[in-house]
Amino acid sequence: MVFELENNPFKEEESCCIVTSDRKSHHSEKVKKNLITRLNRIEGQIRGIKGLIEKDTYCDDVITQISATQSALNSVAKILLEGHLKNCVVDRIQEGDMEVLDEVLITIQKLTKL
């Protein structure tokens, strides 16, 4: 199964991360800019939700905004997960590090919690 996303910021030649002893991610500038833009928008949505609460906005309207914010945050997670799988995980498997599979499964479990 191929995991494709709309407006995929990752290209085959761009590396998500390079495995180092301190396991840092190394996103391309294009990917970083995309993620930061999305996160800035989400930050604004959170401030907006806080304002709705302060103004005693009808609960259903607040919940709708929370749902939209969760969806936006899930999109960020999907982009990161795709890049992680296509680059970091593949690199570690090619290096013989099969423990990365358990790590990915735990990460997916965290992402799918309700």
N, C-alpha and C. Protein backbone atom coordinates (compact mmCIF):
# COMPACT_ATOMS: atom_id res chain seq x y z
N MET A 1 0.84 -1.17 0.00
CA MET A 1 0.00 0.00 0.00
C MET A 1 0.89 1.24 0.00
N VAL A 2 0.57 2.20 -0.83
CA VAL A 2 1.33 3.44 -0.92
C VAL A 2 0.61 4.50 -0.13
N PHE A 3 1.33 5.19 0.73
CA PHE A 3 0.77 6.22 1.59
C PHE A 3 1.03 7.57 0.94
N GLU A 4 0.04 8.12 0.25
CA GLU A 4 0.21 9.39 -0.45
C GLU A 4 -0.61 10.48 0.22
N LEU A 5 -0.09 11.67 0.26
CA LEU A 5 -0.77 12.83 0.83
C LEU A 5 -0.92 13.90 -0.22
N GLU A 6 -1.98 14.71 -0.07
CA GLU A 6 -2.15 15.86 -0.94
C GLU A 6 -0.99 16.83 -0.71
N ASN A 7 -0.57 17.49 -1.75
CA ASN A 7 0.52 18.48 -1.66
C ASN A 7 1.73 17.92 -0.92
N ASN A 8 2.13 16.73 -1.28
CA ASN A 8 3.23 16.04 -0.62
C ASN A 8 4.50 16.89 -0.66
N PRO A 9 4.99 17.33 0.52
CA PRO A 9 6.19 18.16 0.55
C PRO A 9 7.47 17.34 0.42
N PHE A 10 7.38 16.02 0.44
CA PHE A 10 8.57 15.19 0.38
C PHE A 10 8.80 14.68 -1.03
N LYS A 11 10.00 14.77 -1.47
CA LYS A 11 10.40 14.23 -2.75
C LYS A 11 11.43 13.15 -2.46
N GLU A 12 11.60 12.26 -3.40
CA GLU A 12 12.54 11.16 -3.20
C GLU A 12 13.94 11.66 -2.82
N GLU A 13 14.35 12.79 -3.41
CA GLU A 13 15.71 13.25 -3.15
C GLU A 13 15.85 14.01 -1.84
N GLU A 14 14.73 14.39 -1.19
CA GLU A 14 14.79 15.11 0.06
C GLU A 14 14.77 14.13 1.22
N SER A 15 15.67 14.30 2.16
CA SER A 15 15.73 13.40 3.29
C SER A 15 15.04 14.02 4.50
N CYS A 16 14.19 13.23 5.13
CA CYS A 16 13.48 13.67 6.34
C CYS A 16 14.47 13.82 7.48
N CYS A 17 15.26 12.82 7.66
CA CYS A 17 16.17 12.87 8.79
C CYS A 17 17.38 11.98 8.52
N ILE A 18 18.41 12.26 9.24
CA ILE A 18 19.63 11.48 9.18
C ILE A 18 19.81 10.88 10.57
N VAL A 19 20.03 9.59 10.63
CA VAL A 19 20.16 8.93 11.92
C VAL A 19 21.50 9.33 12.53
N THR A 20 21.44 9.90 13.71
CA THR A 20 22.64 10.24 14.47
C THR A 20 22.45 9.68 15.86
N SER A 21 23.48 9.76 16.66
CA SER A 21 23.38 9.21 18.01
C SER A 21 22.32 9.93 18.84
N ASP A 22 22.08 11.22 18.57
CA ASP A 22 21.05 11.93 19.31
C ASP A 22 19.72 11.98 18.57
N ARG A 23 19.61 11.28 17.45
CA ARG A 23 18.39 11.08 16.67
C ARG A 23 17.62 12.36 16.41
N LYS A 24 18.23 13.29 15.74
CA LYS A 24 17.56 14.52 15.34
C LYS A 24 16.98 14.37 13.95
N SER A 25 15.92 15.12 13.69
CA SER A 25 15.35 15.17 12.36
C SER A 25 16.06 16.25 11.57
N HIS A 26 16.17 16.04 10.29
CA HIS A 26 16.78 17.02 9.40
C HIS A 26 15.85 17.21 8.21
N HIS A 27 14.88 18.10 8.39
CA HIS A 27 13.92 18.37 7.33
C HIS A 27 14.48 19.38 6.35
N SER A 28 14.08 19.27 5.11
CA SER A 28 14.48 20.27 4.13
C SER A 28 13.82 21.60 4.52
N GLU A 29 14.33 22.68 4.01
CA GLU A 29 13.76 24.00 4.31
C GLU A 29 12.32 24.09 3.83
N LYS A 30 12.02 23.47 2.70
CA LYS A 30 10.66 23.48 2.15
C LYS A 30 9.69 22.77 3.10
N VAL A 31 10.10 21.62 3.62
CA VAL A 31 9.25 20.86 4.54
C VAL A 31 9.09 21.64 5.85
N LYS A 32 10.19 22.18 6.36
CA LYS A 32 10.11 22.96 7.61
C LYS A 32 9.15 24.13 7.46
N LYS A 33 9.27 24.84 6.36
CA LYS A 33 8.40 26.00 6.13
C LYS A 33 6.94 25.58 6.08
N ASN A 34 6.65 24.48 5.39
CA ASN A 34 5.29 23.96 5.31
C ASN A 34 4.76 23.61 6.70
N LEU A 35 5.55 22.88 7.47
CA LEU A 35 5.11 22.48 8.81
C LEU A 35 4.92 23.68 9.73
N ILE A 36 5.84 24.62 9.68
CA ILE A 36 5.74 25.80 10.54
C ILE A 36 4.53 26.63 10.17
N THR A 37 4.26 26.78 8.88
CA THR A 37 3.07 27.51 8.43
C THR A 37 1.81 26.85 8.97
N ARG A 38 1.73 25.53 8.85
CA ARG A 38 0.58 24.80 9.36
C ARG A 38 0.44 24.97 10.88
N LEU A 39 1.56 24.86 11.58
CA LEU A 39 1.52 24.97 13.04
C LEU A 39 1.16 26.39 13.49
N ASN A 40 1.61 27.39 12.76
CA ASN A 40 1.21 28.77 13.08
C ASN A 40 -0.29 28.95 12.93
N ARG A 41 -0.84 28.35 11.88
CA ARG A 41 -2.28 28.42 11.65
C ARG A 41 -3.03 27.72 12.79
N ILE A 42 -2.53 26.57 13.20
CA ILE A 42 -3.14 25.81 14.31
C ILE A 42 -3.06 26.62 15.60
N GLU A 43 -1.93 27.27 15.82
CA GLU A 43 -1.78 28.11 17.01
C GLU A 43 -2.84 29.21 17.03
N GLY A 44 -3.10 29.79 15.87
CA GLY A 44 -4.15 30.80 15.77
C GLY A 44 -5.52 30.22 16.03
N GLN A 45 -5.75 28.99 15.56
CA GLN A 45 -7.03 28.34 15.82
C GLN A 45 -7.23 28.10 17.32
N ILE A 46 -6.18 27.71 18.00
CA ILE A 46 -6.26 27.48 19.45
C ILE A 46 -6.60 28.78 20.17
N ARG A 47 -5.94 29.86 19.77
CA ARG A 47 -6.26 31.16 20.38
C ARG A 47 -7.71 31.54 20.10
N GLY A 48 -8.19 31.22 18.89
CA GLY A 48 -9.58 31.50 18.54
C GLY A 48 -10.54 30.71 19.40
N ILE A 49 -10.22 29.45 19.66
CA ILE A 49 -11.07 28.62 20.52
C ILE A 49 -11.11 29.18 21.93
N LYS A 50 -9.97 29.61 22.41
CA LYS A 50 -9.92 30.23 23.75
C LYS A 50 -10.83 31.45 23.79
N GLY A 51 -10.77 32.25 22.74
CA GLY A 51 -11.63 33.44 22.67
C GLY A 51 -13.11 33.07 22.64
N LEU A 52 -13.45 32.00 21.95
CA LEU A 52 -14.85 31.55 21.91
C LEU A 52 -15.32 31.16 23.31
N ILE A 53 -14.46 30.48 24.04
CA ILE A 53 -14.81 30.09 25.42
C ILE A 53 -15.00 31.33 26.28
N GLU A 54 -14.08 32.29 26.14
CA GLU A 54 -14.16 33.52 26.93
C GLU A 54 -15.44 34.29 26.62
N LYS A 55 -15.94 34.19 25.37
CA LYS A 55 -17.15 34.91 24.96
C LYS A 55 -18.43 34.09 25.18
N ASP A 56 -18.29 32.94 25.86
CA ASP A 56 -19.44 32.07 26.11
C ASP A 56 -20.16 31.65 24.83
N THR A 57 -19.39 31.36 23.79
CA THR A 57 -19.94 30.91 22.52
C THR A 57 -20.63 29.56 22.71
N TYR A 58 -21.68 29.35 21.95
CA TYR A 58 -22.46 28.11 21.99
C TYR A 58 -21.53 26.90 21.86
N CYS A 59 -21.72 25.93 22.74
CA CYS A 59 -20.81 24.77 22.84
C CYS A 59 -20.59 24.06 21.51
N ASP A 60 -21.65 23.84 20.76
CA ASP A 60 -21.52 23.12 19.49
C ASP A 60 -20.59 23.85 18.52
N ASP A 61 -20.63 25.17 18.53
CA ASP A 61 -19.74 25.95 17.66
C ASP A 61 -18.29 25.81 18.09
N VAL A 62 -18.06 25.76 19.40
CA VAL A 62 -16.70 25.59 19.92
C VAL A 62 -16.19 24.20 19.56
N ILE A 63 -17.03 23.20 19.72
CA ILE A 63 -16.64 21.83 19.40
C ILE A 63 -16.30 21.69 17.92
N THR A 64 -17.04 22.36 17.06
CA THR A 64 -16.75 22.35 15.62
C THR A 64 -15.36 22.92 15.36
N GLN A 65 -15.01 23.99 16.04
CA GLN A 65 -13.68 24.59 15.86
C GLN A 65 -12.59 23.68 16.42
N ILE A 66 -12.87 23.01 17.52
CA ILE A 66 -11.91 22.05 18.09
C ILE A 66 -11.67 20.92 17.10
N SER A 67 -12.73 20.43 16.49
CA SER A 67 -12.62 19.35 15.50
C SER A 67 -11.76 19.78 14.31
N ALA A 68 -11.96 20.99 13.84
CA ALA A 68 -11.17 21.50 12.71
C ALA A 68 -9.69 21.60 13.10
N THR A 69 -9.43 22.02 14.32
CA THR A 69 -8.06 22.15 14.81
C THR A 69 -7.40 20.78 14.94
N GLN A 70 -8.15 19.80 15.44
CA GLN A 70 -7.62 18.44 15.55
C GLN A 70 -7.28 17.88 14.17
N SER A 71 -8.14 18.16 13.20
CA SER A 71 -7.90 17.70 11.84
C SER A 71 -6.62 18.32 11.28
N ALA A 72 -6.43 19.59 11.52
CA ALA A 72 -5.22 20.28 11.04
C ALA A 72 -3.98 19.69 11.70
N LEU A 73 -4.06 19.40 12.99
CA LEU A 73 -2.93 18.81 13.70
C LEU A 73 -2.65 17.40 13.19
N ASN A 74 -3.71 16.65 12.89
CA ASN A 74 -3.54 15.32 12.31
C ASN A 74 -2.83 15.39 10.96
N SER A 75 -3.11 16.42 10.18
CA SER A 75 -2.45 16.59 8.89
C SER A 75 -0.95 16.80 9.07
N VAL A 76 -0.56 17.56 10.08
CA VAL A 76 0.86 17.76 10.38
C VAL A 76 1.49 16.42 10.75
N ALA A 77 0.80 15.66 11.59
CA ALA A 77 1.32 14.36 12.01
C ALA A 77 1.48 13.42 10.82
N LYS A 78 0.53 13.43 9.89
CA LYS A 78 0.61 12.57 8.70
C LYS A 78 1.81 12.93 7.84
N ILE A 79 2.05 14.22 7.66
CA ILE A 79 3.20 14.65 6.88
C ILE A 79 4.50 14.18 7.53
N LEU A 80 4.59 14.36 8.85
CA LEU A 80 5.79 13.92 9.57
C LEU A 80 5.95 12.40 9.51
N LEU A 81 4.85 11.68 9.69
CA LEU A 81 4.91 10.22 9.66
C LEU A 81 5.34 9.71 8.28
N GLU A 82 4.79 10.31 7.23
CA GLU A 82 5.16 9.90 5.88
C GLU A 82 6.66 10.09 5.64
N GLY A 83 7.15 11.26 5.98
CA GLY A 83 8.58 11.52 5.81
C GLY A 83 9.43 10.59 6.66
N HIS A 84 8.97 10.34 7.87
CA HIS A 84 9.70 9.45 8.78
C HIS A 84 9.78 8.04 8.19
N LEU A 85 8.65 7.55 7.69
CA LEU A 85 8.64 6.20 7.11
C LEU A 85 9.49 6.11 5.86
N LYS A 86 9.34 7.08 4.97
CA LYS A 86 10.04 7.04 3.68
C LYS A 86 11.54 7.28 3.79
N ASN A 87 11.96 7.94 4.84
CA ASN A 87 13.37 8.29 4.94
C ASN A 87 14.03 7.66 6.16
N CYS A 88 13.66 8.10 7.34
CA CYS A 88 14.32 7.65 8.57
C CYS A 88 14.21 6.14 8.76
N VAL A 89 12.98 5.64 8.66
CA VAL A 89 12.76 4.21 8.89
C VAL A 89 13.46 3.37 7.84
N VAL A 90 13.32 3.75 6.58
CA VAL A 90 13.99 3.02 5.51
C VAL A 90 15.50 3.00 5.73
N ASP A 91 16.07 4.16 6.07
CA ASP A 91 17.51 4.22 6.31
C ASP A 91 17.93 3.28 7.44
N ARG A 92 17.17 3.29 8.53
CA ARG A 92 17.54 2.45 9.67
C ARG A 92 17.40 0.97 9.34
N ILE A 93 16.37 0.61 8.57
CA ILE A 93 16.22 -0.79 8.18
C ILE A 93 17.38 -1.20 7.28
N GLN A 94 17.75 -0.33 6.34
CA GLN A 94 18.87 -0.64 5.45
C GLN A 94 20.17 -0.79 6.22
N GLU A 95 20.26 -0.12 7.38
CA GLU A 95 21.44 -0.25 8.24
C GLU A 95 21.35 -1.49 9.14
N GLY A 96 20.23 -2.22 9.04
CA GLY A 96 20.06 -3.44 9.84
C GLY A 96 19.38 -3.22 11.17
N ASP A 97 18.90 -2.03 11.43
CA ASP A 97 18.25 -1.71 12.70
C ASP A 97 16.75 -2.02 12.60
N MET A 98 16.37 -3.24 12.96
CA MET A 98 14.98 -3.66 12.87
C MET A 98 14.15 -3.20 14.06
N GLU A 99 14.80 -2.68 15.11
CA GLU A 99 14.06 -2.15 16.27
C GLU A 99 13.20 -0.96 15.88
N VAL A 100 13.54 -0.31 14.78
CA VAL A 100 12.78 0.85 14.33
C VAL A 100 11.33 0.47 14.03
N LEU A 101 11.08 -0.79 13.66
CA LEU A 101 9.72 -1.22 13.37
C LEU A 101 8.84 -1.17 14.63
N ASP A 102 9.38 -1.61 15.76
CA ASP A 102 8.63 -1.52 17.02
C ASP A 102 8.37 -0.07 17.38
N GLU A 103 9.37 0.78 17.15
CA GLU A 103 9.22 2.21 17.42
C GLU A 103 8.09 2.81 16.58
N VAL A 104 8.03 2.45 15.31
CA VAL A 104 6.99 2.96 14.41
C VAL A 104 5.62 2.47 14.85
N LEU A 105 5.52 1.21 15.24
CA LEU A 105 4.24 0.68 15.70
C LEU A 105 3.74 1.41 16.94
N ILE A 106 4.62 1.71 17.85
CA ILE A 106 4.25 2.47 19.05
C ILE A 106 3.80 3.87 18.67
N THR A 107 4.51 4.49 17.74
CA THR A 107 4.15 5.83 17.28
C THR A 107 2.76 5.82 16.64
N ILE A 108 2.49 4.83 15.81
CA ILE A 108 1.18 4.74 15.17
C ILE A 108 0.08 4.53 16.21
N GLN A 109 0.36 3.70 17.22
CA GLN A 109 -0.61 3.52 18.29
C GLN A 109 -0.91 4.83 18.99
N LYS A 110 0.11 5.63 19.24
CA LYS A 110 -0.09 6.93 19.88
C LYS A 110 -0.95 7.84 19.01
N LEU A 111 -0.71 7.81 17.71
CA LEU A 111 -1.47 8.65 16.79
C LEU A 111 -2.93 8.24 16.65
N THR A 112 -3.21 6.98 16.86
CA THR A 112 -4.57 6.49 16.66
C THR A 112 -5.38 6.38 17.95
N LYS A 113 -4.83 6.82 19.06
CA LYS A 113 -5.59 6.82 20.31
C LYS A 113 -6.77 7.76 20.21
N LEU A 114 -7.85 7.38 20.85
CA LEU A 114 -9.04 8.25 20.89
C LEU A 114 -9.06 9.03 22.16
